[in-house]
Amino acid sequence: MERIDFFLELYGALPRAGPGDNASTGRAFSMMKGLPPTPTILDIGCGPGMQTVELLRLSGGTVVALDLLPQMIARVKEAAERAGSADRVETIQADMNEMAFEPASFDIVWSEGAIYFIGFEKGLEKVRQFVKPGGYVAVSEAVWLEPDPPEEVVEFWQAYPEIDTVESKLRVVSRLGYENVGHFVLPTSSWTELYYEPLANRVSKYEPEWKGIAEAEDVLAEARTELDMFAKYARYYSYAFFVMRKQS
């Protein structure tokens, strides 16, 4: 097994691929006024599809769920089947950097914790063409919550240089020509209940099994670092949901 295989084994079965929960998905969706009765939605970086299924339930519409990993696409299909919504979801295995849809194809473009793969500003600029006039974009994105975070946590986030304050993110949204509809910071439970607590359990499970396997131990060490960083410094950072509207 290669390093990516150990990574997918550890993270690939988590309930969510990152911070979030159905309550936050619903809160962001509720900010979108004047939607058609059955909106068309593009869910970018859908992961295992928890929010995909929730969007199907909330909207009564259709969702195109896009992810690079075939394991995630399989989980989305299974989740939609269990929810009785398989007929309203289309899955696409593709790199979001290379996605190409017809202009003005969707009423909503959605991305929970995944727009960073393109970049916050670059991603919002890219997806704008896919949204119908008057349609919406909703993304969750890493943000600083307090000024002057400790050096240790700043170094941890160097892998993602676009982390910034909520105010700075809102300025990006406005600069790109979107209407700022609303925003909110995800609660601590969005990190712990469906992401970090299950991750910690899986780390404990695999530590004895993977002992002595260098690539596997490296993956476990990175996971422990991520968990420890949140335990010590959660007051300084989180994800925030940003809901915006394309001008008609």
C-alpha atoms as a PDB file:
ATOM      1  CA  MET A   1       0.000   0.000   0.000  1.00  0.00           C
ATOM      2  CA  GLU A   2       1.105   3.542  -0.771  1.00  0.00           C
ATOM      3  CA  ARG A   3       0.665   6.578   1.451  1.00  0.00           C
ATOM      4  CA  ILE A   4      -2.556   7.651  -0.304  1.00  0.00           C
ATOM      5  CA  ASP A   5      -4.041   4.220   0.396  1.00  0.00           C
ATOM      6  CA  PHE A   6      -3.413   4.582   4.130  1.00  0.00           C
ATOM      7  CA  PHE A   7      -4.824   8.112   4.018  1.00  0.00           C
ATOM      8  CA  LEU A   8      -8.013   6.926   2.332  1.00  0.00           C
ATOM      9  CA  GLU A   9      -8.313   4.009   4.731  1.00  0.00           C
ATOM     10  CA  LEU A  10      -8.114   6.377   7.699  1.00  0.00           C
ATOM     11  CA  TYR A  11     -10.227   9.261   6.404  1.00  0.00           C
ATOM     12  CA  GLY A  12     -12.353   7.681   3.684  1.00  0.00           C
ATOM     13  CA  ALA A  13     -14.929   6.088   5.990  1.00  0.00           C
ATOM     14  CA  LEU A  14     -15.576   9.169   8.152  1.00  0.00           C
ATOM     15  CA  PRO A  15     -19.171  10.468   8.167  1.00  0.00           C
ATOM     16  CA  ARG A  16     -17.935  13.718   6.645  1.00  0.00           C
ATOM     17  CA  ALA A  17     -14.780  14.713   4.770  1.00  0.00           C
ATOM     18  CA  GLY A  18     -14.390  17.860   6.874  1.00  0.00           C
ATOM     19  CA  PRO A  19     -16.139  20.112   9.396  1.00  0.00           C
ATOM     20  CA  GLY A  20     -19.886  20.502   8.964  1.00  0.00           C
ATOM     21  CA  ASP A  21     -23.309  19.167   9.901  1.00  0.00           C
ATOM     22  CA  ASN A  22     -26.838  19.111   8.554  1.00  0.00           C
ATOM     23  CA  ALA A  23     -27.911  22.013  10.767  1.00  0.00           C
ATOM     24  CA  SER A  24     -25.275  24.262   9.183  1.00  0.00           C
ATOM     25  CA  THR A  25     -26.195  23.058   5.699  1.00  0.00           C
ATOM     26  CA  GLY A  26     -29.816  23.889   6.456  1.00  0.00           C
ATOM     27  CA  ARG A  27     -28.956  27.295   7.897  1.00  0.00           C
ATOM     28  CA  ALA A  28     -27.021  28.265   4.777  1.00  0.00           C
ATOM     29  CA  PHE A  29     -29.737  26.935   2.482  1.00  0.00           C
ATOM     30  CA  SER A  30     -32.414  28.903   4.355  1.00  0.00           C
ATOM     31  CA  MET A  31     -30.691  32.155   3.355  1.00  0.00           C
ATOM     32  CA  MET A  32     -31.519  31.522  -0.291  1.00  0.00           C
ATOM     33  CA  LYS A  33     -34.801  33.263  -1.110  1.00  0.00           C
ATOM     34  CA  GLY A  34     -36.818  33.055  -4.303  1.00  0.00           C
ATOM     35  CA  LEU A  35     -35.536  29.692  -5.485  1.00  0.00           C
ATOM     36  CA  PRO A  36     -37.546  27.744  -8.065  1.00  0.00           C
ATOM     37  CA  PRO A  37     -39.650  24.837  -6.726  1.00  0.00           C
ATOM     38  CA  THR A  38     -37.071  22.250  -7.866  1.00  0.00           C
ATOM     39  CA  PRO A  39     -33.690  23.986  -8.072  1.00  0.00           C
ATOM     40  CA  THR A  40     -30.682  22.568  -9.873  1.00  0.00           C
ATOM     41  CA  ILE A  41     -27.641  22.313  -7.582  1.00  0.00           C
ATOM     42  CA  LEU A  42     -23.950  21.638  -8.236  1.00  0.00           C
ATOM     43  CA  ASP A  43     -22.175  20.194  -5.164  1.00  0.00           C
ATOM     44  CA  ILE A  44     -18.420  20.586  -5.704  1.00  0.00           C
ATOM     45  CA  GLY A  45     -16.075  18.348  -3.737  1.00  0.00           C
ATOM     46  CA  CYS A  46     -19.054  16.448  -2.400  1.00  0.00           C
ATOM     47  CA  GLY A  47     -17.040  13.906  -0.388  1.00  0.00           C
ATOM     48  CA  PRO A  48     -19.167  11.108   1.098  1.00  0.00           C
ATOM     49  CA  GLY A  49     -22.300  13.120   0.383  1.00  0.00           C
ATOM     50  CA  MET A  50     -23.925  13.912   3.716  1.00  0.00           C
ATOM     51  CA  GLN A  51     -24.687  17.475   2.610  1.00  0.00           C
ATOM     52  CA  THR A  52     -25.611  16.203  -0.861  1.00  0.00           C
ATOM     53  CA  VAL A  53     -28.447  14.119   0.556  1.00  0.00           C
ATOM     54  CA  GLU A  54     -29.485  16.959   2.864  1.00  0.00           C
ATOM     55  CA  LEU A  55     -29.639  19.347  -0.090  1.00  0.00           C
ATOM     56  CA  LEU A  56     -31.828  16.868  -1.959  1.00  0.00           C
ATOM     57  CA  ARG A  57     -34.142  16.747   1.058  1.00  0.00           C
ATOM     58  CA  LEU A  58     -34.224  20.493   1.643  1.00  0.00           C
ATOM     59  CA  SER A  59     -34.611  21.578  -1.948  1.00  0.00           C
ATOM     60  CA  GLY A  60     -36.767  18.936  -3.575  1.00  0.00           C
ATOM     61  CA  GLY A  61     -34.553  19.566  -6.591  1.00  0.00           C
ATOM     62  CA  THR A  62     -31.686  17.803  -8.333  1.00  0.00           C
ATOM     63  CA  VAL A  63     -28.008  17.697  -7.431  1.00  0.00           C
ATOM     64  CA  VAL A  64     -24.925  17.116  -9.551  1.00  0.00           C
ATOM     65  CA  ALA A  65     -22.335  15.789  -7.075  1.00  0.00           C
ATOM     66  CA  LEU A  66     -18.722  16.129  -8.204  1.00  0.00           C
ATOM     67  CA  ASP A  67     -15.641  14.643  -6.539  1.00  0.00           C
ATOM     68  CA  LEU A  68     -12.215  13.471  -7.655  1.00  0.00           C
ATOM     69  CA  LEU A  69     -12.198  10.248  -5.628  1.00  0.00           C
ATOM     70  CA  PRO A  70     -14.137   7.215  -6.861  1.00  0.00           C
ATOM     71  CA  GLN A  71     -14.558   6.079  -3.236  1.00  0.00           C
ATOM     72  CA  MET A  72     -16.498   9.267  -2.476  1.00  0.00           C
ATOM     73  CA  ILE A  73     -18.645   8.951  -5.581  1.00  0.00           C
ATOM     74  CA  ALA A  74     -19.589   5.422  -4.520  1.00  0.00           C
ATOM     75  CA  ARG A  75     -20.552   6.647  -1.050  1.00  0.00           C
ATOM     76  CA  VAL A  76     -22.711   9.457  -2.476  1.00  0.00           C
ATOM     77  CA  LYS A  77     -24.597   6.972  -4.612  1.00  0.00           C
ATOM     78  CA  GLU A  78     -25.129   4.671  -1.629  1.00  0.00           C
ATOM     79  CA  ALA A  79     -26.293   7.537   0.585  1.00  0.00           C
ATOM     80  CA  ALA A  80     -28.760   8.759  -2.026  1.00  0.00           C
ATOM     81  CA  GLU A  81     -30.084   5.229  -2.470  1.00  0.00           C
ATOM     82  CA  ARG A  82     -30.660   4.878   1.280  1.00  0.00           C
ATOM     83  CA  ALA A  83     -32.473   8.207   1.330  1.00  0.00           C
ATOM     84  CA  GLY A  84     -34.677   7.277  -1.616  1.00  0.00           C
ATOM     85  CA  SER A  85     -33.258  10.156  -3.669  1.00  0.00           C
ATOM     86  CA  ALA A  86     -31.052   8.339  -6.168  1.00  0.00           C
ATOM     87  CA  ASP A  87     -33.233   9.455  -9.080  1.00  0.00           C
ATOM     88  CA  ARG A  88     -32.452  13.102  -8.327  1.00  0.00           C
ATOM     89  CA  VAL A  89     -28.658  12.948  -8.081  1.00  0.00           C
ATOM     90  CA  GLU A  90     -26.059  12.722 -10.824  1.00  0.00           C
ATOM     91  CA  THR A  91     -22.481  11.901  -9.849  1.00  0.00           C
ATOM     92  CA  ILE A  92     -19.387  13.036 -11.709  1.00  0.00           C
ATOM     93  CA  GLN A  93     -15.882  11.834 -10.915  1.00  0.00           C
ATOM     94  CA  ALA A  94     -13.675  14.741 -11.961  1.00  0.00           C
ATOM     95  CA  ASP A  95     -11.103  17.271 -10.829  1.00  0.00           C
ATOM     96  CA  MET A  96     -12.940  20.446  -9.819  1.00  0.00           C
ATOM     97  CA  ASN A  97     -10.117  22.483 -11.360  1.00  0.00           C
ATOM     98  CA  GLU A  98     -11.083  21.056 -14.747  1.00  0.00           C
ATOM     99  CA  MET A  99     -14.877  21.056 -14.479  1.00  0.00           C
ATOM    100  CA  ALA A 100     -16.735  22.482 -17.450  1.00  0.00           C
ATOM    101  CA  PHE A 101     -20.480  23.046 -17.470  1.00  0.00           C
ATOM    102  CA  GLU A 102     -22.686  25.118 -19.717  1.00  0.00           C
ATOM    103  CA  PRO A 103     -22.979  28.742 -18.624  1.00  0.00           C
ATOM    104  CA  ALA A 104     -25.889  29.478 -16.274  1.00  0.00           C
ATOM    105  CA  SER A 105     -26.588  25.761 -15.702  1.00  0.00           C
ATOM    106  CA  PHE A 106     -27.409  25.836 -11.978  1.00  0.00           C
ATOM    107  CA  ASP A 107     -29.599  27.698  -9.521  1.00  0.00           C
ATOM    108  CA  ILE A 108     -27.074  26.929  -6.753  1.00  0.00           C
ATOM    109  CA  VAL A 109     -23.388  26.077  -6.609  1.00  0.00           C
ATOM    110  CA  TRP A 110     -22.449  24.528  -3.251  1.00  0.00           C
ATOM    111  CA  SER A 111     -19.104  23.529  -1.745  1.00  0.00           C
ATOM    112  CA  GLU A 112     -18.558  22.568   1.899  1.00  0.00           C
ATOM    113  CA  GLY A 113     -14.898  22.733   2.922  1.00  0.00           C
ATOM    114  CA  ALA A 114     -13.646  22.004  -0.587  1.00  0.00           C
ATOM    115  CA  ILE A 115     -13.390  25.248  -2.558  1.00  0.00           C
ATOM    116  CA  TYR A 116      -9.817  25.579  -1.289  1.00  0.00           C
ATOM    117  CA  PHE A 117      -8.748  22.920  -3.796  1.00  0.00           C
ATOM    118  CA  ILE A 118      -9.233  25.623  -6.429  1.00  0.00           C
ATOM    119  CA  GLY A 119      -8.662  28.563  -4.097  1.00  0.00           C
ATOM    120  CA  PHE A 120     -11.301  30.737  -2.466  1.00  0.00           C
ATOM    121  CA  GLU A 121     -11.097  33.697  -4.839  1.00  0.00           C
ATOM    122  CA  LYS A 122     -10.211  31.673  -7.933  1.00  0.00           C
ATOM    123  CA  GLY A 123     -12.951  29.155  -7.140  1.00  0.00           C
ATOM    124  CA  LEU A 124     -15.674  31.761  -6.668  1.00  0.00           C
ATOM    125  CA  GLU A 125     -14.586  33.426  -9.881  1.00  0.00           C
ATOM    126  CA  LYS A 126     -14.661  30.106 -11.747  1.00  0.00           C
ATOM    127  CA  VAL A 127     -18.088  28.929 -10.601  1.00  0.00           C
ATOM    128  CA  ARG A 128     -19.773  32.291 -11.234  1.00  0.00           C
ATOM    129  CA  GLN A 129     -20.210  31.359 -14.901  1.00  0.00           C
ATOM    130  CA  PHE A 130     -22.132  28.212 -13.978  1.00  0.00           C
ATOM    131  CA  VAL A 131     -24.746  30.049 -11.876  1.00  0.00           C
ATOM    132  CA  LYS A 132     -27.939  31.447 -13.356  1.00  0.00           C
ATOM    133  CA  PRO A 133     -28.524  35.184 -12.949  1.00  0.00           C
ATOM    134  CA  GLY A 134     -30.057  35.630  -9.499  1.00  0.00           C
ATOM    135  CA  GLY A 135     -28.743  32.227  -8.436  1.00  0.00           C
ATOM    136  CA  TYR A 136     -26.652  31.471  -5.369  1.00  0.00           C
ATOM    137  CA  VAL A 137     -23.222  30.236  -4.343  1.00  0.00           C
ATOM    138  CA  ALA A 138     -22.610  28.802  -0.855  1.00  0.00           C
ATOM    139  CA  VAL A 139     -19.191  27.713   0.395  1.00  0.00           C
ATOM    140  CA  SER A 140     -17.566  26.988   3.741  1.00  0.00           C
ATOM    141  CA  GLU A 141     -14.021  28.215   4.122  1.00  0.00           C
ATOM    142  CA  ALA A 142     -11.262  28.328   6.745  1.00  0.00           C
ATOM    143  CA  VAL A 143     -11.080  31.619   8.657  1.00  0.00           C
ATOM    144  CA  TRP A 144      -9.221  33.188  11.568  1.00  0.00           C
ATOM    145  CA  LEU A 145     -11.475  34.006  14.510  1.00  0.00           C
ATOM    146  CA  GLU A 146      -9.056  36.059  16.593  1.00  0.00           C
ATOM    147  CA  PRO A 147      -6.108  38.320  15.782  1.00  0.00           C
ATOM    148  CA  ASP A 148      -2.519  37.302  16.415  1.00  0.00           C
ATOM    149  CA  PRO A 149      -2.878  33.510  16.601  1.00  0.00           C
ATOM    150  CA  PRO A 150       0.056  31.633  18.167  1.00  0.00           C
ATOM    151  CA  GLU A 151       2.990  30.851  15.902  1.00  0.00           C
ATOM    152  CA  GLU A 152       2.362  27.114  16.191  1.00  0.00           C
ATOM    153  CA  VAL A 153      -1.113  27.335  14.716  1.00  0.00           C
ATOM    154  CA  VAL A 154       0.005  29.807  12.040  1.00  0.00           C
ATOM    155  CA  GLU A 155       2.652  27.314  10.945  1.00  0.00           C
ATOM    156  CA  PHE A 156       0.063  24.542  10.913  1.00  0.00           C
ATOM    157  CA  TRP A 157      -2.112  26.555   8.493  1.00  0.00           C
ATOM    158  CA  GLN A 158       0.766  27.500   6.186  1.00  0.00           C
ATOM    159  CA  ALA A 159      -0.331  24.628   3.953  1.00  0.00           C
ATOM    160  CA  TYR A 160      -3.400  26.745   3.225  1.00  0.00           C
ATOM    161  CA  PRO A 161      -2.189  30.316   2.637  1.00  0.00           C
ATOM    162  CA  GLU A 162      -5.670  31.706   1.870  1.00  0.00           C
ATOM    163  CA  ILE A 163      -6.948  31.369   5.435  1.00  0.00           C
ATOM    164  CA  ASP A 164      -7.998  34.881   6.450  1.00  0.00           C
ATOM    165  CA  THR A 165     -10.531  36.794   8.506  1.00  0.00           C
ATOM    166  CA  VAL A 166     -14.248  36.725   7.772  1.00  0.00           C
ATOM    167  CA  GLU A 167     -14.090  40.408   6.846  1.00  0.00           C
ATOM    168  CA  SER A 168     -11.370  39.770   4.273  1.00  0.00           C
ATOM    169  CA  LYS A 169     -13.362  36.923   2.740  1.00  0.00           C
ATOM    170  CA  LEU A 170     -16.419  39.143   2.472  1.00  0.00           C
ATOM    171  CA  ARG A 171     -14.362  41.744   0.627  1.00  0.00           C
ATOM    172  CA  VAL A 172     -13.354  39.070  -1.888  1.00  0.00           C
ATOM    173  CA  VAL A 173     -17.002  38.139  -2.398  1.00  0.00           C
ATOM    174  CA  SER A 174     -17.936  41.762  -3.080  1.00  0.00           C
ATOM    175  CA  ARG A 175     -14.940  42.379  -5.327  1.00  0.00           C
ATOM    176  CA  LEU A 176     -16.016  39.488  -7.553  1.00  0.00           C
ATOM    177  CA  GLY A 177     -19.396  41.115  -8.081  1.00  0.00           C
ATOM    178  CA  TYR A 178     -21.527  38.899  -5.842  1.00  0.00           C
ATOM    179  CA  GLU A 179     -24.152  40.174  -3.437  1.00  0.00           C
ATOM    180  CA  ASN A 180     -23.290  39.162   0.138  1.00  0.00           C
ATOM    181  CA  VAL A 181     -26.396  37.369   1.383  1.00  0.00           C
ATOM    182  CA  GLY A 182     -25.176  36.081   4.750  1.00  0.00           C
ATOM    183  CA  HIS A 183     -22.435  34.298   6.640  1.00  0.00           C
ATOM    184  CA  PHE A 184     -21.850  32.480   9.931  1.00  0.00           C
ATOM    185  CA  VAL A 185     -19.062  30.613  11.711  1.00  0.00           C
ATOM    186  CA  LEU A 186     -19.517  26.866  12.160  1.00  0.00           C
ATOM    187  CA  PRO A 187     -19.903  25.756  15.786  1.00  0.00           C
ATOM    188  CA  THR A 188     -17.298  23.586  17.496  1.00  0.00           C
ATOM    189  CA  SER A 189     -19.640  20.605  17.240  1.00  0.00           C
ATOM    190  CA  SER A 190     -19.351  20.824  13.441  1.00  0.00           C
ATOM    191  CA  TRP A 191     -15.715  19.835  13.818  1.00  0.00           C
ATOM    192  CA  THR A 192     -16.036  17.234  16.540  1.00  0.00           C
ATOM    193  CA  GLU A 193     -19.202  15.154  16.198  1.00  0.00           C
ATOM    194  CA  LEU A 194     -18.943  13.961  12.604  1.00  0.00           C
ATOM    195  CA  TYR A 195     -15.275  14.556  11.876  1.00  0.00           C
ATOM    196  CA  TYR A 196     -12.715  14.706  14.696  1.00  0.00           C
ATOM    197  CA  GLU A 197     -14.320  12.280  17.154  1.00  0.00           C
ATOM    198  CA  PRO A 198     -14.691   9.557  14.504  1.00  0.00           C
ATOM    199  CA  LEU A 199     -11.179  10.369  13.261  1.00  0.00           C
ATOM    200  CA  ALA A 200      -9.696   9.970  16.749  1.00  0.00           C
ATOM    201  CA  ASN A 201     -11.424   6.591  17.068  1.00  0.00           C
ATOM    202  CA  ARG A 202      -9.957   5.443  13.768  1.00  0.00           C
ATOM    203  CA  VAL A 203      -6.477   6.634  14.733  1.00  0.00           C
ATOM    204  CA  SER A 204      -6.707   4.527  17.902  1.00  0.00           C
ATOM    205  CA  LYS A 205      -7.913   1.561  15.883  1.00  0.00           C
ATOM    206  CA  TYR A 206      -5.110   1.650  13.321  1.00  0.00           C
ATOM    207  CA  GLU A 207      -2.156   2.572  15.563  1.00  0.00           C
ATOM    208  CA  PRO A 208      -1.436  -1.059  16.559  1.00  0.00           C
ATOM    209  CA  GLU A 209      -2.221  -2.440  13.100  1.00  0.00           C
ATOM    210  CA  TRP A 210       0.060  -0.015  11.258  1.00  0.00           C
ATOM    211  CA  LYS A 211       2.940   0.014  13.716  1.00  0.00           C
ATOM    212  CA  GLY A 212       6.255  -0.166  11.876  1.00  0.00           C
ATOM    213  CA  ILE A 213       4.836   0.840   8.481  1.00  0.00           C
ATOM    214  CA  ALA A 214       6.512   4.177   7.741  1.00  0.00           C
ATOM    215  CA  GLU A 215       3.915   5.578   5.299  1.00  0.00           C
ATOM    216  CA  ALA A 216       1.044   4.577   7.575  1.00  0.00           C
ATOM    217  CA  GLU A 217       2.665   5.976  10.703  1.00  0.00           C
ATOM    218  CA  ASP A 218       3.225   9.262   8.851  1.00  0.00           C
ATOM    219  CA  VAL A 219      -0.500   9.484   8.045  1.00  0.00           C
ATOM    220  CA  LEU A 220      -1.392   8.734  11.668  1.00  0.00           C
ATOM    221  CA  ALA A 221       1.076  11.356  12.909  1.00  0.00           C
ATOM    222  CA  GLU A 222      -0.456  14.024  10.689  1.00  0.00           C
ATOM    223  CA  ALA A 223      -3.924  13.125  11.947  1.00  0.00           C
ATOM    224  CA  ARG A 224      -2.783  13.352  15.564  1.00  0.00           C
ATOM    225  CA  THR A 225      -1.225  16.761  14.865  1.00  0.00           C
ATOM    226  CA  GLU A 226      -4.503  17.988  13.357  1.00  0.00           C
ATOM    227  CA  LEU A 227      -6.473  16.740  16.357  1.00  0.00           C
ATOM    228  CA  ASP A 228      -4.027  18.227  18.855  1.00  0.00           C
ATOM    229  CA  MET A 229      -4.015  21.584  17.085  1.00  0.00           C
ATOM    230  CA  PHE A 230      -7.781  21.853  17.305  1.00  0.00           C
ATOM    231  CA  ALA A 231      -7.807  20.785  20.946  1.00  0.00           C
ATOM    232  CA  LYS A 232      -5.347  23.550  21.827  1.00  0.00           C
ATOM    233  CA  TYR A 233      -6.277  26.350  19.443  1.00  0.00           C
ATOM    234  CA  ALA A 234      -9.915  25.991  18.351  1.00  0.00           C
ATOM    235  CA  ARG A 235     -10.665  29.510  19.614  1.00  0.00           C
ATOM    236  CA  TYR A 236      -8.429  30.939  16.874  1.00  0.00           C
ATOM    237  CA  TYR A 237      -9.861  29.329  13.743  1.00  0.00           C
ATOM    238  CA  SER A 238     -12.849  27.592  12.240  1.00  0.00           C
ATOM    239  CA  TYR A 239     -14.791  27.355   9.023  1.00  0.00           C
ATOM    240  CA  ALA A 240     -17.329  29.979   8.060  1.00  0.00           C
ATOM    241  CA  PHE A 241     -20.219  29.581   5.654  1.00  0.00           C
ATOM    242  CA  PHE A 242     -20.553  32.297   3.022  1.00  0.00           C
ATOM    243  CA  VAL A 243     -23.768  32.619   1.019  1.00  0.00           C
ATOM    244  CA  MET A 244     -23.759  34.963  -1.957  1.00  0.00           C
ATOM    245  CA  ARG A 245     -25.944  35.760  -4.927  1.00  0.00           C
ATOM    246  CA  LYS A 246     -25.076  36.382  -8.549  1.00  0.00           C
ATOM    247  CA  GLN A 247     -26.530  39.681  -9.683  1.00  0.00           C
ATOM    248  CA  SER A 248     -29.445  39.357 -12.095  1.00  0.00           C
END
